[in-house]
Amino acid sequence: MAMRRPAFDEGAIAPHLAFLDELRDSGHLEMTGGFSDKSGGAYVLVNLDSLEQARAIAARDPLATLGTSGLTVYEWNTR
């Protein structure tokens, strides 16, 4: 989950979307979308070996590397 920080930079959106495209192309992105209130968004990673791998991927997200959003990784147990 990515939550925008008060000093969110709109310039981070294009690199973030390119990052998500790369994840999709590599078979690791199931779905993604922004929250309707513009506070942030979320994406679902798949086909990973561990929670640590998911955290490492999120740490490479331009939203995180540019410091414009806080990213938190959760393990989601679906039914």
PDB file of N, CA and C in Angstrom:
ATOM      1  N   MET A   1       0.849  -1.155   0.000  1.00  0.00           N
ATOM      2  CA  MET A   1       0.000   0.000   0.000  1.00  0.00           C
ATOM      3  C   MET A   1       0.903   1.228   0.000  1.00  0.00           C
ATOM      4  N   ALA A   2       0.585   2.189  -0.834  1.00  0.00           N
ATOM      5  CA  ALA A   2       1.355   3.428  -0.934  1.00  0.00           C
ATOM      6  C   ALA A   2       0.487   4.584  -0.483  1.00  0.00           C
ATOM      7  N   MET A   3       0.940   5.303   0.523  1.00  0.00           N
ATOM      8  CA  MET A   3       0.200   6.458   1.029  1.00  0.00           C
ATOM      9  C   MET A   3       1.023   7.719   0.777  1.00  0.00           C
ATOM     10  N   ARG A   4       0.392   8.695   0.142  1.00  0.00           N
ATOM     11  CA  ARG A   4       1.077   9.938  -0.194  1.00  0.00           C
ATOM     12  C   ARG A   4       1.480  10.689   1.071  1.00  0.00           C
ATOM     13  N   ARG A   5       2.669  11.254   1.006  1.00  0.00           N
ATOM     14  CA  ARG A   5       3.144  12.121   2.079  1.00  0.00           C
ATOM     15  C   ARG A   5       2.666  13.551   1.799  1.00  0.00           C
ATOM     16  N   PRO A   6       2.664  14.423   2.809  1.00  0.00           N
ATOM     17  CA  PRO A   6       2.192  15.801   2.592  1.00  0.00           C
ATOM     18  C   PRO A   6       2.890  16.513   1.439  1.00  0.00           C
ATOM     19  N   ALA A   7       4.159  16.246   1.226  1.00  0.00           N
ATOM     20  CA  ALA A   7       4.901  16.902   0.143  1.00  0.00           C
ATOM     21  C   ALA A   7       4.942  16.021  -1.113  1.00  0.00           C
ATOM     22  N   PHE A   8       3.842  15.328  -1.418  1.00  0.00           N
ATOM     23  CA  PHE A   8       3.787  14.439  -2.581  1.00  0.00           C
ATOM     24  C   PHE A   8       4.152  15.196  -3.849  1.00  0.00           C
ATOM     25  N   ASP A   9       5.006  14.589  -4.674  1.00  0.00           N
ATOM     26  CA  ASP A   9       5.451  15.179  -5.930  1.00  0.00           C
ATOM     27  C   ASP A   9       4.788  14.450  -7.091  1.00  0.00           C
ATOM     28  N   GLU A  10       3.944  15.141  -7.838  1.00  0.00           N
ATOM     29  CA  GLU A  10       3.251  14.553  -8.990  1.00  0.00           C
ATOM     30  C   GLU A  10       4.236  13.994 -10.019  1.00  0.00           C
ATOM     31  N   GLY A  11       5.471  14.498 -10.021  1.00  0.00           N
ATOM     32  CA  GLY A  11       6.487  14.011 -10.946  1.00  0.00           C
ATOM     33  C   GLY A  11       6.875  12.565 -10.706  1.00  0.00           C
ATOM     34  N   ALA A  12       6.488  12.011  -9.575  1.00  0.00           N
ATOM     35  CA  ALA A  12       6.806  10.609  -9.266  1.00  0.00           C
ATOM     36  C   ALA A  12       5.839   9.637  -9.930  1.00  0.00           C
ATOM     37  N   ILE A  13       4.723  10.148 -10.430  1.00  0.00           N
ATOM     38  CA  ILE A  13       3.696   9.251 -10.967  1.00  0.00           C
ATOM     39  C   ILE A  13       4.170   8.518 -12.214  1.00  0.00           C
ATOM     40  N   ALA A  14       4.745   9.211 -13.180  1.00  0.00           N
ATOM     41  CA  ALA A  14       5.181   8.555 -14.420  1.00  0.00           C
ATOM     42  C   ALA A  14       6.216   7.465 -14.161  1.00  0.00           C
ATOM     43  N   PRO A  15       7.271   7.703 -13.358  1.00  0.00           N
ATOM     44  CA  PRO A  15       8.217   6.618 -13.087  1.00  0.00           C
ATOM     45  C   PRO A  15       7.570   5.464 -12.309  1.00  0.00           C
ATOM     46  N   HIS A  16       6.630   5.781 -11.434  1.00  0.00           N
ATOM     47  CA  HIS A  16       5.921   4.742 -10.684  1.00  0.00           C
ATOM     48  C   HIS A  16       5.118   3.864 -11.639  1.00  0.00           C
ATOM     49  N   LEU A  17       4.400   4.484 -12.578  1.00  0.00           N
ATOM     50  CA  LEU A  17       3.620   3.706 -13.539  1.00  0.00           C
ATOM     51  C   LEU A  17       4.512   2.847 -14.423  1.00  0.00           C
ATOM     52  N   ALA A  18       5.676   3.355 -14.818  1.00  0.00           N
ATOM     53  CA  ALA A  18       6.630   2.557 -15.595  1.00  0.00           C
ATOM     54  C   ALA A  18       7.125   1.370 -14.772  1.00  0.00           C
ATOM     55  N   PHE A  19       7.376   1.597 -13.493  1.00  0.00           N
ATOM     56  CA  PHE A  19       7.784   0.532 -12.581  1.00  0.00           C
ATOM     57  C   PHE A  19       6.705  -0.550 -12.513  1.00  0.00           C
ATOM     58  N   LEU A  20       5.449  -0.138 -12.395  1.00  0.00           N
ATOM     59  CA  LEU A  20       4.353  -1.106 -12.349  1.00  0.00           C
ATOM     60  C   LEU A  20       4.248  -1.883 -13.660  1.00  0.00           C
ATOM     61  N   ASP A  21       4.472  -1.210 -14.790  1.00  0.00           N
ATOM     62  CA  ASP A  21       4.456  -1.898 -16.084  1.00  0.00           C
ATOM     63  C   ASP A  21       5.528  -2.982 -16.139  1.00  0.00           C
ATOM     64  N   GLU A  22       6.704  -2.680 -15.601  1.00  0.00           N
ATOM     65  CA  GLU A  22       7.786  -3.672 -15.559  1.00  0.00           C
ATOM     66  C   GLU A  22       7.392  -4.861 -14.691  1.00  0.00           C
ATOM     67  N   LEU A  23       6.768  -4.591 -13.558  1.00  0.00           N
ATOM     68  CA  LEU A  23       6.311  -5.680 -12.693  1.00  0.00           C
ATOM     69  C   LEU A  23       5.285  -6.552 -13.403  1.00  0.00           C
ATOM     70  N   ARG A  24       4.351  -5.910 -14.105  1.00  0.00           N
ATOM     71  CA  ARG A  24       3.334  -6.665 -14.846  1.00  0.00           C
ATOM     72  C   ARG A  24       3.991  -7.522 -15.917  1.00  0.00           C
ATOM     73  N   ASP A  25       4.933  -6.951 -16.655  1.00  0.00           N
ATOM     74  CA  ASP A  25       5.612  -7.682 -17.720  1.00  0.00           C
ATOM     75  C   ASP A  25       6.405  -8.874 -17.189  1.00  0.00           C
ATOM     76  N   SER A  26       6.893  -8.764 -15.948  1.00  0.00           N
ATOM     77  CA  SER A  26       7.675  -9.855 -15.364  1.00  0.00           C
ATOM     78  C   SER A  26       6.792 -10.903 -14.674  1.00  0.00           C
ATOM     79  N   GLY A  27       5.477 -10.672 -14.682  1.00  0.00           N
ATOM     80  CA  GLY A  27       4.552 -11.632 -14.087  1.00  0.00           C
ATOM     81  C   GLY A  27       4.387 -11.499 -12.587  1.00  0.00           C
ATOM     82  N   HIS A  28       4.787 -10.351 -12.026  1.00  0.00           N
ATOM     83  CA  HIS A  28       4.710 -10.168 -10.576  1.00  0.00           C
ATOM     84  C   HIS A  28       3.610  -9.215 -10.116  1.00  0.00           C
ATOM     85  N   LEU A  29       2.851  -8.633 -11.049  1.00  0.00           N
ATOM     86  CA  LEU A  29       1.806  -7.691 -10.669  1.00  0.00           C
ATOM     87  C   LEU A  29       0.451  -8.245 -11.066  1.00  0.00           C
ATOM     88  N   GLU A  30      -0.423  -8.412 -10.082  1.00  0.00           N
ATOM     89  CA  GLU A  30      -1.777  -8.923 -10.326  1.00  0.00           C
ATOM     90  C   GLU A  30      -2.755  -7.787 -10.609  1.00  0.00           C
ATOM     91  N   MET A  31      -2.755  -6.771  -9.749  1.00  0.00           N
ATOM     92  CA  MET A  31      -3.650  -5.629  -9.941  1.00  0.00           C
ATOM     93  C   MET A  31      -3.088  -4.413  -9.227  1.00  0.00           C
ATOM     94  N   THR A  32      -3.567  -3.251  -9.647  1.00  0.00           N
ATOM     95  CA  THR A  32      -3.112  -2.001  -9.067  1.00  0.00           C
ATOM     96  C   THR A  32      -4.189  -0.938  -9.235  1.00  0.00           C
ATOM     97  N   GLY A  33      -4.165   0.057  -8.378  1.00  0.00           N
ATOM     98  CA  GLY A  33      -5.112   1.152  -8.524  1.00  0.00           C
ATOM     99  C   GLY A  33      -4.944   2.187  -7.436  1.00  0.00           C
ATOM    100  N   GLY A  34      -5.403   3.386  -7.743  1.00  0.00           N
ATOM    101  CA  GLY A  34      -5.341   4.478  -6.789  1.00  0.00           C
ATOM    102  C   GLY A  34      -6.633   4.579  -5.992  1.00  0.00           C
ATOM    103  N   PHE A  35      -6.547   5.151  -4.807  1.00  0.00           N
ATOM    104  CA  PHE A  35      -7.718   5.375  -3.967  1.00  0.00           C
ATOM    105  C   PHE A  35      -8.480   6.587  -4.499  1.00  0.00           C
ATOM    106  N   SER A  36      -9.791   6.539  -4.423  1.00  0.00           N
ATOM    107  CA  SER A  36     -10.617   7.608  -5.001  1.00  0.00           C
ATOM    108  C   SER A  36     -10.400   8.956  -4.320  1.00  0.00           C
ATOM    109  N   ASP A  37      -9.923   8.953  -3.075  1.00  0.00           N
ATOM    110  CA  ASP A  37      -9.688  10.227  -2.383  1.00  0.00           C
ATOM    111  C   ASP A  37      -8.296  10.806  -2.653  1.00  0.00           C
ATOM    112  N   LYS A  38      -7.541  10.161  -3.547  1.00  0.00           N
ATOM    113  CA  LYS A  38      -6.197  10.603  -3.948  1.00  0.00           C
ATOM    114  C   LYS A  38      -5.166  10.542  -2.815  1.00  0.00           C
ATOM    115  N   SER A  39      -5.442   9.760  -1.769  1.00  0.00           N
ATOM    116  CA  SER A  39      -4.509   9.640  -0.649  1.00  0.00           C
ATOM    117  C   SER A  39      -3.388   8.646  -0.919  1.00  0.00           C
ATOM    118  N   GLY A  40      -3.533   7.849  -1.962  1.00  0.00           N
ATOM    119  CA  GLY A  40      -2.532   6.844  -2.279  1.00  0.00           C
ATOM    120  C   GLY A  40      -3.137   5.759  -3.143  1.00  0.00           C
ATOM    121  N   GLY A  41      -2.592   4.556  -3.012  1.00  0.00           N
ATOM    122  CA  GLY A  41      -3.077   3.437  -3.802  1.00  0.00           C
ATOM    123  C   GLY A  41      -2.471   2.141  -3.307  1.00  0.00           C
ATOM    124  N   ALA A  42      -2.753   1.083  -4.043  1.00  0.00           N
ATOM    125  CA  ALA A  42      -2.241  -0.228  -3.650  1.00  0.00           C
ATOM    126  C   ALA A  42      -1.986  -1.069  -4.889  1.00  0.00           C
ATOM    127  N   TYR A  43      -1.124  -2.052  -4.722  1.00  0.00           N
ATOM    128  CA  TYR A  43      -0.939  -3.037  -5.774  1.00  0.00           C
ATOM    129  C   TYR A  43      -0.678  -4.391  -5.153  1.00  0.00           C
ATOM    130  N   VAL A  44      -1.047  -5.428  -5.908  1.00  0.00           N
ATOM    131  CA  VAL A  44      -0.935  -6.801  -5.427  1.00  0.00           C
ATOM    132  C   VAL A  44       0.164  -7.503  -6.212  1.00  0.00           C
ATOM    133  N   LEU A  45       1.181  -7.951  -5.488  1.00  0.00           N
ATOM    134  CA  LEU A  45       2.289  -8.687  -6.089  1.00  0.00           C
ATOM    135  C   LEU A  45       2.005 -10.185  -6.001  1.00  0.00           C
ATOM    136  N   VAL A  46       2.402 -10.918  -7.029  1.00  0.00           N
ATOM    137  CA  VAL A  46       2.189 -12.367  -7.088  1.00  0.00           C
ATOM    138  C   VAL A  46       3.449 -13.059  -7.588  1.00  0.00           C
ATOM    139  N   ASN A  47       3.463 -14.373  -7.441  1.00  0.00           N
ATOM    140  CA  ASN A  47       4.548 -15.214  -7.945  1.00  0.00           C
ATOM    141  C   ASN A  47       5.901 -14.835  -7.345  1.00  0.00           C
ATOM    142  N   LEU A  48       5.903 -14.612  -6.043  1.00  0.00           N
ATOM    143  CA  LEU A  48       7.126 -14.278  -5.323  1.00  0.00           C
ATOM    144  C   LEU A  48       7.463 -15.414  -4.370  1.00  0.00           C
ATOM    145  N   ASP A  49       8.719 -15.467  -3.942  1.00  0.00           N
ATOM    146  CA  ASP A  49       9.171 -16.523  -3.053  1.00  0.00           C
ATOM    147  C   ASP A  49       8.973 -16.202  -1.579  1.00  0.00           C
ATOM    148  N   SER A  50       8.857 -14.907  -1.253  1.00  0.00           N
ATOM    149  CA  SER A  50       8.793 -14.561   0.166  1.00  0.00           C
ATOM    150  C   SER A  50       8.265 -13.147   0.360  1.00  0.00           C
ATOM    151  N   LEU A  51       7.890 -12.878   1.594  1.00  0.00           N
ATOM    152  CA  LEU A  51       7.487 -11.523   1.979  1.00  0.00           C
ATOM    153  C   LEU A  51       8.670 -10.578   1.851  1.00  0.00           C
ATOM    154  N   GLU A  52       9.857 -11.058   2.140  1.00  0.00           N
ATOM    155  CA  GLU A  52      11.068 -10.232   2.009  1.00  0.00           C
ATOM    156  C   GLU A  52      11.284  -9.812   0.561  1.00  0.00           C
ATOM    157  N   GLN A  53      10.990 -10.709  -0.383  1.00  0.00           N
ATOM    158  CA  GLN A  53      11.118 -10.353  -1.796  1.00  0.00           C
ATOM    159  C   GLN A  53      10.119  -9.247  -2.149  1.00  0.00           C
ATOM    160  N   ALA A  54       8.912  -9.336  -1.627  1.00  0.00           N
ATOM    161  CA  ALA A  54       7.908  -8.295  -1.874  1.00  0.00           C
ATOM    162  C   ALA A  54       8.375  -6.963  -1.303  1.00  0.00           C
ATOM    163  N   ARG A  55       8.950  -6.995  -0.111  1.00  0.00           N
ATOM    164  CA  ARG A  55       9.456  -5.756   0.492  1.00  0.00           C
ATOM    165  C   ARG A  55      10.599  -5.163  -0.329  1.00  0.00           C
ATOM    166  N   ALA A  56      11.460  -6.014  -0.858  1.00  0.00           N
ATOM    167  CA  ALA A  56      12.576  -5.537  -1.682  1.00  0.00           C
ATOM    168  C   ALA A  56      12.053  -4.887  -2.964  1.00  0.00           C
ATOM    169  N   ILE A  57      11.022  -5.457  -3.548  1.00  0.00           N
ATOM    170  CA  ILE A  57      10.423  -4.870  -4.753  1.00  0.00           C
ATOM    171  C   ILE A  57       9.818  -3.515  -4.422  1.00  0.00           C
ATOM    172  N   ALA A  58       9.046  -3.434  -3.345  1.00  0.00           N
ATOM    173  CA  ALA A  58       8.421  -2.166  -2.957  1.00  0.00           C
ATOM    174  C   ALA A  58       9.467  -1.094  -2.671  1.00  0.00           C
ATOM    175  N   ALA A  59      10.596  -1.492  -2.131  1.00  0.00           N
ATOM    176  CA  ALA A  59      11.664  -0.525  -1.832  1.00  0.00           C
ATOM    177  C   ALA A  59      12.244   0.088  -3.103  1.00  0.00           C
ATOM    178  N   ARG A  60      12.095  -0.592  -4.250  1.00  0.00           N
ATOM    179  CA  ARG A  60      12.580  -0.065  -5.535  1.00  0.00           C
ATOM    180  C   ARG A  60      11.559   0.821  -6.234  1.00  0.00           C
ATOM    181  N   ASP A  61      10.333   0.854  -5.729  1.00  0.00           N
ATOM    182  CA  ASP A  61       9.284   1.670  -6.340  1.00  0.00           C
ATOM    183  C   ASP A  61       9.706   3.136  -6.281  1.00  0.00           C
ATOM    184  N   PRO A  62       9.620   3.867  -7.393  1.00  0.00           N
ATOM    185  CA  PRO A  62       9.988   5.283  -7.378  1.00  0.00           C
ATOM    186  C   PRO A  62       9.242   6.104  -6.324  1.00  0.00           C
ATOM    187  N   LEU A  63       8.032   5.716  -5.960  1.00  0.00           N
ATOM    188  CA  LEU A  63       7.339   6.428  -4.890  1.00  0.00           C
ATOM    189  C   LEU A  63       8.142   6.359  -3.599  1.00  0.00           C
ATOM    190  N   ALA A  64       8.790   5.221  -3.375  1.00  0.00           N
ATOM    191  CA  ALA A  64       9.621   5.044  -2.174  1.00  0.00           C
ATOM    192  C   ALA A  64      10.989   5.682  -2.354  1.00  0.00           C
ATOM    193  N   THR A  65      11.639   5.432  -3.479  1.00  0.00           N
ATOM    194  CA  THR A  65      13.002   5.935  -3.656  1.00  0.00           C
ATOM    195  C   THR A  65      13.049   7.460  -3.732  1.00  0.00           C
ATOM    196  N   LEU A  66      11.972   8.064  -4.226  1.00  0.00           N
ATOM    197  CA  LEU A  66      11.900   9.526  -4.287  1.00  0.00           C
ATOM    198  C   LEU A  66      11.367  10.125  -2.989  1.00  0.00           C
ATOM    199  N   GLY A  67      10.906   9.276  -2.082  1.00  0.00           N
ATOM    200  CA  GLY A  67      10.446   9.725  -0.779  1.00  0.00           C
ATOM    201  C   GLY A  67       9.116  10.450  -0.786  1.00  0.00           C
ATOM    202  N   THR A  68       8.345  10.289  -1.846  1.00  0.00           N
ATOM    203  CA  THR A  68       7.097  11.021  -1.977  1.00  0.00           C
ATOM    204  C   THR A  68       5.893  10.302  -1.372  1.00  0.00           C
ATOM    205  N   SER A  69       6.052   8.998  -1.122  1.00  0.00           N
ATOM    206  CA  SER A  69       4.999   8.195  -0.509  1.00  0.00           C
ATOM    207  C   SER A  69       5.627   7.192   0.442  1.00  0.00           C
ATOM    208  N   GLY A  70       4.867   6.798   1.435  1.00  0.00           N
ATOM    209  CA  GLY A  70       5.280   5.721   2.321  1.00  0.00           C
ATOM    210  C   GLY A  70       4.683   4.419   1.828  1.00  0.00           C
ATOM    211  N   LEU A  71       5.502   3.402   1.640  1.00  0.00           N
ATOM    212  CA  LEU A  71       5.015   2.109   1.172  1.00  0.00           C
ATOM    213  C   LEU A  71       5.074   1.090   2.297  1.00  0.00           C
ATOM    214  N   THR A  72       3.992   0.376   2.469  1.00  0.00           N
ATOM    215  CA  THR A  72       3.896  -0.675   3.467  1.00  0.00           C
ATOM    216  C   THR A  72       3.483  -1.953   2.756  1.00  0.00           C
ATOM    217  N   VAL A  73       4.155  -3.052   3.080  1.00  0.00           N
ATOM    218  CA  VAL A  73       3.867  -4.340   2.449  1.00  0.00           C
ATOM    219  C   VAL A  73       3.154  -5.228   3.463  1.00  0.00           C
ATOM    220  N   TYR A  74       2.036  -5.776   3.026  1.00  0.00           N
ATOM    221  CA  TYR A  74       1.262  -6.709   3.837  1.00  0.00           C
ATOM    222  C   TYR A  74       1.165  -8.040   3.108  1.00  0.00           C
ATOM    223  N   GLU A  75       1.193  -9.114   3.863  1.00  0.00           N
ATOM    224  CA  GLU A  75       0.886 -10.425   3.290  1.00  0.00           C
ATOM    225  C   GLU A  75      -0.612 -10.598   3.376  1.00  0.00           C
ATOM    226  N   TRP A  76      -1.237 -10.854   2.250  1.00  0.00           N
ATOM    227  CA  TRP A  76      -2.689 -10.914   2.179  1.00  0.00           C
ATOM    228  C   TRP A  76      -3.103 -12.356   1.990  1.00  0.00           C
ATOM    229  N   ASN A  77      -3.835 -12.886   2.940  1.00  0.00           N
ATOM    230  CA  ASN A  77      -4.348 -14.254   2.861  1.00  0.00           C
ATOM    231  C   ASN A  77      -5.759 -14.202   2.308  1.00  0.00           C
ATOM    232  N   THR A  78      -5.909 -14.608   1.069  1.00  0.00           N
ATOM    233  CA  THR A  78      -7.203 -14.545   0.400  1.00  0.00           C
ATOM    234  C   THR A  78      -7.917 -15.890   0.495  1.00  0.00           C
ATOM    235  N   ARG A  79      -9.211 -15.859   0.234  1.00  0.00           N
ATOM    236  CA  ARG A  79     -10.001 -17.094   0.210  1.00  0.00           C
ATOM    237  C   ARG A  79     -10.685 -17.219  -1.124  1.00  0.00           C
TER     238      ARG A  79
END
